[in-house]
Protein backbone atom coordinates (compact mmCIF):
# COMPACT_ATOMS: atom_id res chain seq x y z
CA MET A 1 0.00 0.00 0.00
CA TYR A 2 2.83 2.41 0.83
CA GLU A 3 4.42 1.90 -2.58
CA ALA A 4 1.11 1.84 -4.48
CA PRO A 5 0.89 4.02 -7.59
CA ASP A 6 0.36 7.64 -6.53
CA GLY A 7 0.71 6.46 -2.93
CA PRO A 8 2.70 7.94 -0.06
CA PHE A 9 6.05 6.73 -1.42
CA GLU A 10 5.60 8.48 -4.77
CA ASN A 11 4.38 11.60 -2.97
CA GLN A 12 7.52 11.59 -0.79
CA ILE A 13 5.67 11.03 2.48
CA ALA A 14 7.68 9.37 5.24
CA PRO A 15 6.69 5.75 6.04
CA ALA A 16 5.98 6.51 9.72
CA PHE A 17 3.73 9.47 8.84
CA ALA A 18 1.89 7.42 6.20
CA LEU A 19 1.33 4.65 8.77
CA LYS A 20 0.08 7.18 11.31
CA GLU A 21 -2.41 8.65 8.81
CA GLN A 22 -3.64 5.19 7.81
CA LEU A 23 -4.10 4.15 11.45
CA ILE A 24 -6.04 7.33 12.26
CA THR A 25 -8.36 6.78 9.30
CA GLU A 26 -8.99 3.13 10.17
CA ILE A 27 -9.55 3.78 13.89
CA GLU A 28 -12.03 6.60 13.19
CA LYS A 29 -13.92 4.44 10.68
CA LYS A 30 -14.10 1.41 13.01
CA LEU A 31 -15.23 3.49 16.01
CA ASP A 32 -17.97 5.15 13.92
CA ILE A 33 -19.21 1.70 12.84
CA PHE A 34 -19.07 0.48 16.46
CA TYR A 35 -21.12 3.48 17.62
CA ARG A 36 -23.64 3.02 14.81
CA ASP A 37 -24.11 -0.72 15.44
CA ASN A 38 -24.33 -0.60 19.26
CA LYS A 39 -27.16 1.60 20.50
CA TRP A 40 -26.13 1.15 24.17
CA VAL A 41 -22.96 3.17 23.45
CA GLU A 42 -25.01 6.38 23.17
CA GLU A 43 -26.28 5.97 26.73
CA GLU A 44 -22.77 5.19 27.99
CA LEU A 45 -21.39 8.32 26.30
CA TYR A 46 -24.19 10.75 27.11
CA GLY A 47 -25.79 9.18 30.20
CA GLU A 48 -29.21 10.56 31.10
CA ASP A 49 -28.80 13.28 28.46
CA SER A 50 -29.18 10.63 25.75
CA LYS A 51 -32.90 10.32 26.59
CA ASN A 52 -33.40 14.08 26.23
CA LYS A 53 -31.57 14.36 22.92
CA LYS A 54 -33.52 15.67 19.97
CA LYS A 55 -33.86 13.43 16.94
CA THR A 56 -31.78 15.99 15.02
CA ASP A 57 -28.82 15.54 17.39
CA VAL A 58 -26.56 13.07 15.66
CA TYR A 59 -23.20 11.75 16.68
CA GLY A 60 -20.69 13.82 14.72
CA GLY A 61 -18.16 11.09 14.15
CA THR A 62 -14.95 10.04 15.81
CA LYS A 63 -11.85 12.17 15.45
CA VAL A 64 -8.47 10.85 16.61
CA ALA A 65 -6.34 13.78 17.74
CA ASP A 66 -2.95 12.09 17.57
CA ILE A 67 -1.12 8.80 17.62
CA VAL A 68 2.30 8.57 19.25
CA PHE A 69 4.74 5.79 18.49
CA SER A 70 7.20 4.89 21.23
CA PHE A 71 9.53 2.13 22.22
CA ASN A 72 11.53 1.04 25.23
CA ASN A 73 14.57 3.30 24.91
CA ALA A 74 15.87 3.61 28.48
CA ARG A 75 19.20 1.96 27.59
CA LEU A 76 19.70 4.31 24.65
CA ILE A 77 19.00 7.41 26.76
CA THR A 78 21.36 6.20 29.50
CA SER A 79 24.10 5.57 26.93
CA LEU A 80 23.61 9.00 25.37
CA ARG A 81 23.84 10.67 28.80
CA ALA A 82 27.10 8.80 29.55
CA ARG A 83 28.46 9.79 26.14
CA GLY A 84 27.51 13.43 26.75
CA GLN A 85 29.26 13.41 30.13
CA CYS A 86 32.41 11.96 28.55
CA ILE A 87 32.38 14.62 25.83
CA ALA A 88 31.83 17.38 28.40
CA ALA A 89 34.70 16.09 30.56
C-alpha cells in the first residue's frame, strides 16, 4: 500500500507518517461503525442526556487527535547521557 501508484512513497511522504495517517483513518472508521451498530454506546457516552436528545442531534463522528509511536529506549538514553558526560569532561 505504501508503494502503491500515486501512494505515499511516490508523494515523498515518510513511512511513519503514512502509517500514522492510515491508522487514524482506520480507527475513526471502526469506532464510527461500532457506535452506529451498538445503541447502548449512546447511553454510555451521554448518560441521562441521551434520553433528552432531539432526533436531530446526531453523533458527529470520531476524530483521533494524535497517535504517538514509542519504544523502550531507556538503555539508549542512558548511553547517550554517559556519552555526553564523557564529551563534556
